[in-house]
Amino acid sequence: MSNKKLVYFILPIIIVSGIVITINRFLDKFYFYNNEKCIYNDNSKIVSINDNYSYLEKRGINENSNTDITFKFTGMDTIWHVISNNDTEINIKYSSNIESGKFKVVLIDPYNNVINILEHTELGEDTYNIKKGTSRIKIVGSITTGNLKMEITIREDENGVDIVAING
C-alpha cells in the first residue's frame, strides 16, 4: 500500500516538472530567442522608428556625445539622434566588452541605410559620413550582457549638427 502512495505522490511531481520544463524551452526557443534573433539579423526591423527592448539591468550615463553604460538586455534601443543641416562627418570612439550574447551598434542614416559601427567586443575609432537630416545610433542585442563606452565628436568648424541623447 505504501508503494501506491509513493507512486501517487511522485508521479504528479514528475508530470508537472515535465510540463514546466517544456513550457520554458518553448518560450526560450520560439519567443525570446527567435524574436530577438530575427531583430538582430534583420535590418528592416532595426531601421524601425520604434524601439523594441527589454532590460534586466541598465546602469550608467547616456548624454549628448557620450555614453558609458553597463547592461543586460535584448532587443534594439536608440541611444542618439544625430541631426544635421547638411552632409558632414562625425568621429566615433568606442569600446565594448561583451560577456555573453550578441551585440552591435549601428548607424542608421535618414534613408534607412544601416552601417555597423561595432560588433561584440571591440575597441576603435572611425569617421562616418552623415547625410543631411536625422540619423540614429542604436544598440542591438540578443540576450546580451556587457558594457559600452562611446564618444562622438564633430569638427570644430562644423555648424548645424546636433547630437541628442535618447534616454528611454
C-alpha atoms as a PDB file:
ATOM      1  CA  MET A   1       0.000   0.000   0.000  1.00  0.00           C
ATOM      2  CA  SER A   2       2.807   2.435   0.761  1.00  0.00           C
ATOM      3  CA  ASN A   3       4.289   1.877  -2.719  1.00  0.00           C
ATOM      4  CA  LYS A   4       0.995   3.013  -4.276  1.00  0.00           C
ATOM      5  CA  LYS A   5       1.000   6.174  -2.143  1.00  0.00           C
ATOM      6  CA  LEU A   6       4.582   6.841  -3.164  1.00  0.00           C
ATOM      7  CA  VAL A   7       3.690   6.433  -6.863  1.00  0.00           C
ATOM      8  CA  TYR A   8       0.662   8.722  -6.485  1.00  0.00           C
ATOM      9  CA  PHE A   9       2.886  11.291  -4.816  1.00  0.00           C
ATOM     10  CA  ILE A  10       5.877  11.143  -7.176  1.00  0.00           C
ATOM     11  CA  LEU A  11       4.047  10.734 -10.500  1.00  0.00           C
ATOM     12  CA  PRO A  12       2.281  14.142 -10.374  1.00  0.00           C
ATOM     13  CA  ILE A  13       5.567  15.839  -9.437  1.00  0.00           C
ATOM     14  CA  ILE A  14       7.277  14.291 -12.463  1.00  0.00           C
ATOM     15  CA  ILE A  15       4.402  15.255 -14.771  1.00  0.00           C
ATOM     16  CA  VAL A  16       4.253  18.867 -13.530  1.00  0.00           C
ATOM     17  CA  SER A  17       8.050  19.191 -13.755  1.00  0.00           C
ATOM     18  CA  GLY A  18       7.977  17.908 -17.328  1.00  0.00           C
ATOM     19  CA  ILE A  19       5.267  20.398 -18.275  1.00  0.00           C
ATOM     20  CA  VAL A  20       7.164  23.326 -16.715  1.00  0.00           C
ATOM     21  CA  ILE A  21      10.416  22.360 -18.457  1.00  0.00           C
ATOM     22  CA  THR A  22       8.614  22.002 -21.803  1.00  0.00           C
ATOM     23  CA  ILE A  23       6.938  25.406 -21.459  1.00  0.00           C
ATOM     24  CA  ASN A  24      10.246  27.099 -20.553  1.00  0.00           C
ATOM     25  CA  ARG A  25      12.028  25.542 -23.529  1.00  0.00           C
ATOM     26  CA  PHE A  26       9.179  26.513 -25.837  1.00  0.00           C
ATOM     27  CA  LEU A  27       9.239  30.140 -24.665  1.00  0.00           C
ATOM     28  CA  ASP A  28      13.018  30.373 -24.924  1.00  0.00           C
ATOM     29  CA  LYS A  29      13.162  28.766 -28.335  1.00  0.00           C
ATOM     30  CA  PHE A  30      10.138  30.206 -30.067  1.00  0.00           C
ATOM     31  CA  TYR A  31       9.543  33.542 -28.408  1.00  0.00           C
ATOM     32  CA  PHE A  32      12.587  35.117 -26.792  1.00  0.00           C
ATOM     33  CA  TYR A  33      15.371  33.575 -28.866  1.00  0.00           C
ATOM     34  CA  ASN A  34      13.780  33.639 -32.296  1.00  0.00           C
ATOM     35  CA  ASN A  35      12.180  37.070 -31.868  1.00  0.00           C
ATOM     36  CA  GLU A  36      15.415  38.760 -30.864  1.00  0.00           C
ATOM     37  CA  LYS A  37      17.499  36.694 -33.249  1.00  0.00           C
ATOM     38  CA  CYS A  38      15.275  37.962 -36.042  1.00  0.00           C
ATOM     39  CA  ILE A  39      15.702  41.563 -34.901  1.00  0.00           C
ATOM     40  CA  TYR A  40      19.479  41.185 -34.550  1.00  0.00           C
ATOM     41  CA  ASN A  41      19.902  39.941 -38.117  1.00  0.00           C
ATOM     42  CA  ASP A  42      17.102  41.876 -39.822  1.00  0.00           C
ATOM     43  CA  ASN A  43      17.963  45.420 -40.912  1.00  0.00           C
ATOM     44  CA  SER A  44      14.354  46.034 -41.974  1.00  0.00           C
ATOM     45  CA  LYS A  45      13.392  45.700 -38.285  1.00  0.00           C
ATOM     46  CA  ILE A  46      16.443  47.564 -36.986  1.00  0.00           C
ATOM     47  CA  VAL A  47      15.613  50.679 -39.059  1.00  0.00           C
ATOM     48  CA  SER A  48      12.176  50.892 -37.450  1.00  0.00           C
ATOM     49  CA  ILE A  49      11.498  54.190 -35.681  1.00  0.00           C
ATOM     50  CA  ASN A  50      10.045  52.228 -32.776  1.00  0.00           C
ATOM     51  CA  ASP A  51      12.469  50.529 -30.423  1.00  0.00           C
ATOM     52  CA  ASN A  52      11.830  47.071 -29.026  1.00  0.00           C
ATOM     53  CA  TYR A  53      13.893  46.139 -25.981  1.00  0.00           C
ATOM     54  CA  SER A  54      13.856  44.547 -22.565  1.00  0.00           C
ATOM     55  CA  TYR A  55      16.492  45.451 -19.970  1.00  0.00           C
ATOM     56  CA  LEU A  56      17.214  43.266 -16.970  1.00  0.00           C
ATOM     57  CA  GLU A  57      19.825  45.831 -15.942  1.00  0.00           C
ATOM     58  CA  LYS A  58      20.958  49.224 -17.217  1.00  0.00           C
ATOM     59  CA  ARG A  59      23.410  51.435 -15.343  1.00  0.00           C
ATOM     60  CA  GLY A  60      25.472  54.409 -16.388  1.00  0.00           C
ATOM     61  CA  ILE A  61      25.074  57.592 -18.371  1.00  0.00           C
ATOM     62  CA  ASN A  62      23.925  58.448 -21.858  1.00  0.00           C
ATOM     63  CA  GLU A  63      24.477  62.131 -22.559  1.00  0.00           C
ATOM     64  CA  ASN A  64      24.865  64.167 -25.714  1.00  0.00           C
ATOM     65  CA  SER A  65      28.099  62.936 -27.321  1.00  0.00           C
ATOM     66  CA  ASN A  66      28.989  60.435 -24.533  1.00  0.00           C
ATOM     67  CA  THR A  67      27.680  57.126 -23.298  1.00  0.00           C
ATOM     68  CA  ASP A  68      29.051  54.787 -20.660  1.00  0.00           C
ATOM     69  CA  ILE A  69      26.560  52.033 -19.852  1.00  0.00           C
ATOM     70  CA  THR A  70      26.526  48.543 -18.400  1.00  0.00           C
ATOM     71  CA  PHE A  71      23.590  46.388 -19.425  1.00  0.00           C
ATOM     72  CA  LYS A  72      21.778  43.093 -19.635  1.00  0.00           C
ATOM     73  CA  PHE A  73      19.281  43.404 -22.447  1.00  0.00           C
ATOM     74  CA  THR A  74      17.693  42.027 -25.534  1.00  0.00           C
ATOM     75  CA  GLY A  75      16.275  43.964 -28.480  1.00  0.00           C
ATOM     76  CA  MET A  76      17.155  47.324 -30.031  1.00  0.00           C
ATOM     77  CA  ASP A  77      17.384  50.731 -28.376  1.00  0.00           C
ATOM     78  CA  THR A  78      18.133  54.128 -29.943  1.00  0.00           C
ATOM     79  CA  ILE A  79      20.788  55.930 -27.898  1.00  0.00           C
ATOM     80  CA  TRP A  80      21.385  59.021 -30.079  1.00  0.00           C
ATOM     81  CA  HIS A  81      19.884  61.121 -32.838  1.00  0.00           C
ATOM     82  CA  VAL A  82      22.390  62.993 -34.989  1.00  0.00           C
ATOM     83  CA  ILE A  83      20.596  65.931 -36.603  1.00  0.00           C
ATOM     84  CA  SER A  84      22.486  67.647 -39.403  1.00  0.00           C
ATOM     85  CA  ASN A  85      21.588  70.613 -41.617  1.00  0.00           C
ATOM     86  CA  ASN A  86      23.967  69.352 -44.326  1.00  0.00           C
ATOM     87  CA  ASP A  87      26.179  66.389 -45.211  1.00  0.00           C
ATOM     88  CA  THR A  88      29.071  66.134 -42.767  1.00  0.00           C
ATOM     89  CA  GLU A  89      31.327  63.739 -40.876  1.00  0.00           C
ATOM     90  CA  ILE A  90      31.406  62.617 -37.263  1.00  0.00           C
ATOM     91  CA  ASN A  91      34.118  60.762 -35.395  1.00  0.00           C
ATOM     92  CA  ILE A  92      33.148  57.958 -33.017  1.00  0.00           C
ATOM     93  CA  LYS A  93      35.461  56.428 -30.406  1.00  0.00           C
ATOM     94  CA  TYR A  94      34.134  53.182 -28.976  1.00  0.00           C
ATOM     95  CA  SER A  95      34.951  50.450 -26.521  1.00  0.00           C
ATOM     96  CA  SER A  96      32.691  47.497 -25.828  1.00  0.00           C
ATOM     97  CA  ASN A  97      33.183  44.480 -23.604  1.00  0.00           C
ATOM     98  CA  ILE A  98      30.520  41.843 -24.183  1.00  0.00           C
ATOM     99  CA  GLU A  99      30.423  38.980 -21.694  1.00  0.00           C
ATOM    100  CA  SER A 100      27.631  36.991 -23.337  1.00  0.00           C
ATOM    101  CA  GLY A 101      25.141  37.129 -26.184  1.00  0.00           C
ATOM    102  CA  LYS A 102      25.248  39.021 -29.461  1.00  0.00           C
ATOM    103  CA  PHE A 103      25.746  42.788 -29.597  1.00  0.00           C
ATOM    104  CA  LYS A 104      26.276  45.513 -32.168  1.00  0.00           C
ATOM    105  CA  VAL A 105      25.994  49.268 -32.564  1.00  0.00           C
ATOM    106  CA  VAL A 106      24.598  50.603 -35.831  1.00  0.00           C
ATOM    107  CA  LEU A 107      24.281  53.971 -37.541  1.00  0.00           C
ATOM    108  CA  ILE A 108      21.045  54.446 -39.494  1.00  0.00           C
ATOM    109  CA  ASP A 109      21.081  57.308 -41.992  1.00  0.00           C
ATOM    110  CA  PRO A 110      17.986  59.349 -42.995  1.00  0.00           C
ATOM    111  CA  TYR A 111      17.426  56.942 -45.915  1.00  0.00           C
ATOM    112  CA  ASN A 112      17.407  53.893 -43.570  1.00  0.00           C
ATOM    113  CA  ASN A 113      20.775  52.550 -44.694  1.00  0.00           C
ATOM    114  CA  VAL A 114      22.405  50.608 -41.843  1.00  0.00           C
ATOM    115  CA  ILE A 115      26.144  50.868 -41.129  1.00  0.00           C
ATOM    116  CA  ASN A 116      27.696  48.653 -38.453  1.00  0.00           C
ATOM    117  CA  ILE A 117      29.855  50.692 -36.081  1.00  0.00           C
ATOM    118  CA  LEU A 118      30.958  47.771 -33.933  1.00  0.00           C
ATOM    119  CA  GLU A 119      30.037  44.189 -33.196  1.00  0.00           C
ATOM    120  CA  HIS A 120      30.604  42.229 -29.980  1.00  0.00           C
ATOM    121  CA  THR A 121      33.766  43.244 -28.074  1.00  0.00           C
ATOM    122  CA  GLU A 122      35.713  45.948 -29.903  1.00  0.00           C
ATOM    123  CA  LEU A 123      37.931  48.960 -29.311  1.00  0.00           C
ATOM    124  CA  GLY A 124      38.379  51.558 -32.006  1.00  0.00           C
ATOM    125  CA  GLU A 125      37.751  54.902 -33.614  1.00  0.00           C
ATOM    126  CA  ASP A 126      36.229  55.653 -37.014  1.00  0.00           C
ATOM    127  CA  THR A 127      34.856  58.536 -39.053  1.00  0.00           C
ATOM    128  CA  TYR A 128      31.354  58.251 -40.515  1.00  0.00           C
ATOM    129  CA  ASN A 129      29.621  60.247 -43.230  1.00  0.00           C
ATOM    130  CA  ILE A 130      26.382  61.794 -42.010  1.00  0.00           C
ATOM    131  CA  LYS A 131      23.709  62.776 -44.518  1.00  0.00           C
ATOM    132  CA  LYS A 132      21.547  65.874 -44.152  1.00  0.00           C
ATOM    133  CA  GLY A 133      18.623  65.018 -41.884  1.00  0.00           C
ATOM    134  CA  THR A 134      18.265  62.841 -38.800  1.00  0.00           C
ATOM    135  CA  SER A 135      20.482  59.803 -38.384  1.00  0.00           C
ATOM    136  CA  ARG A 136      20.124  57.394 -35.477  1.00  0.00           C
ATOM    137  CA  ILE A 137      22.587  55.325 -33.483  1.00  0.00           C
ATOM    138  CA  LYS A 138      21.140  52.146 -31.986  1.00  0.00           C
ATOM    139  CA  ILE A 139      22.403  49.340 -29.839  1.00  0.00           C
ATOM    140  CA  VAL A 140      21.127  45.921 -30.857  1.00  0.00           C
ATOM    141  CA  GLY A 141      21.470  42.821 -28.728  1.00  0.00           C
ATOM    142  CA  SER A 142      20.321  39.266 -28.337  1.00  0.00           C
ATOM    143  CA  ILE A 143      20.461  38.091 -24.705  1.00  0.00           C
ATOM    144  CA  THR A 144      23.441  40.413 -24.162  1.00  0.00           C
ATOM    145  CA  THR A 145      25.474  41.231 -21.065  1.00  0.00           C
ATOM    146  CA  GLY A 146      28.277  43.779 -21.217  1.00  0.00           C
ATOM    147  CA  ASN A 147      29.267  47.418 -21.263  1.00  0.00           C
ATOM    148  CA  LEU A 148      29.716  50.130 -23.852  1.00  0.00           C
ATOM    149  CA  LYS A 149      31.615  53.415 -23.935  1.00  0.00           C
ATOM    150  CA  MET A 150      31.232  55.744 -26.903  1.00  0.00           C
ATOM    151  CA  GLU A 151      32.087  59.339 -27.692  1.00  0.00           C
ATOM    152  CA  ILE A 152      31.021  61.332 -30.752  1.00  0.00           C
ATOM    153  CA  THR A 153      32.993  64.357 -31.886  1.00  0.00           C
ATOM    154  CA  ILE A 154      32.229  66.862 -34.615  1.00  0.00           C
ATOM    155  CA  ARG A 155      34.771  69.056 -36.401  1.00  0.00           C
ATOM    156  CA  GLU A 156      35.141  72.376 -34.572  1.00  0.00           C
ATOM    157  CA  ASP A 157      34.326  74.346 -37.722  1.00  0.00           C
ATOM    158  CA  GLU A 158      31.114  72.370 -38.330  1.00  0.00           C
ATOM    159  CA  ASN A 159      27.862  74.211 -37.655  1.00  0.00           C
ATOM    160  CA  GLY A 160      24.349  72.839 -37.781  1.00  0.00           C
ATOM    161  CA  VAL A 161      24.953  69.419 -36.225  1.00  0.00           C
ATOM    162  CA  ASP A 162      23.219  68.398 -33.011  1.00  0.00           C
ATOM    163  CA  ILE A 163      23.707  65.153 -31.120  1.00  0.00           C
ATOM    164  CA  VAL A 164      20.729  64.341 -28.930  1.00  0.00           C
ATOM    165  CA  ALA A 165      20.880  61.567 -26.340  1.00  0.00           C
ATOM    166  CA  ILE A 166      17.790  59.387 -26.120  1.00  0.00           C
ATOM    167  CA  ASN A 167      17.182  58.098 -22.614  1.00  0.00           C
ATOM    168  CA  GLY A 168      14.426  55.516 -22.763  1.00  0.00           C
END
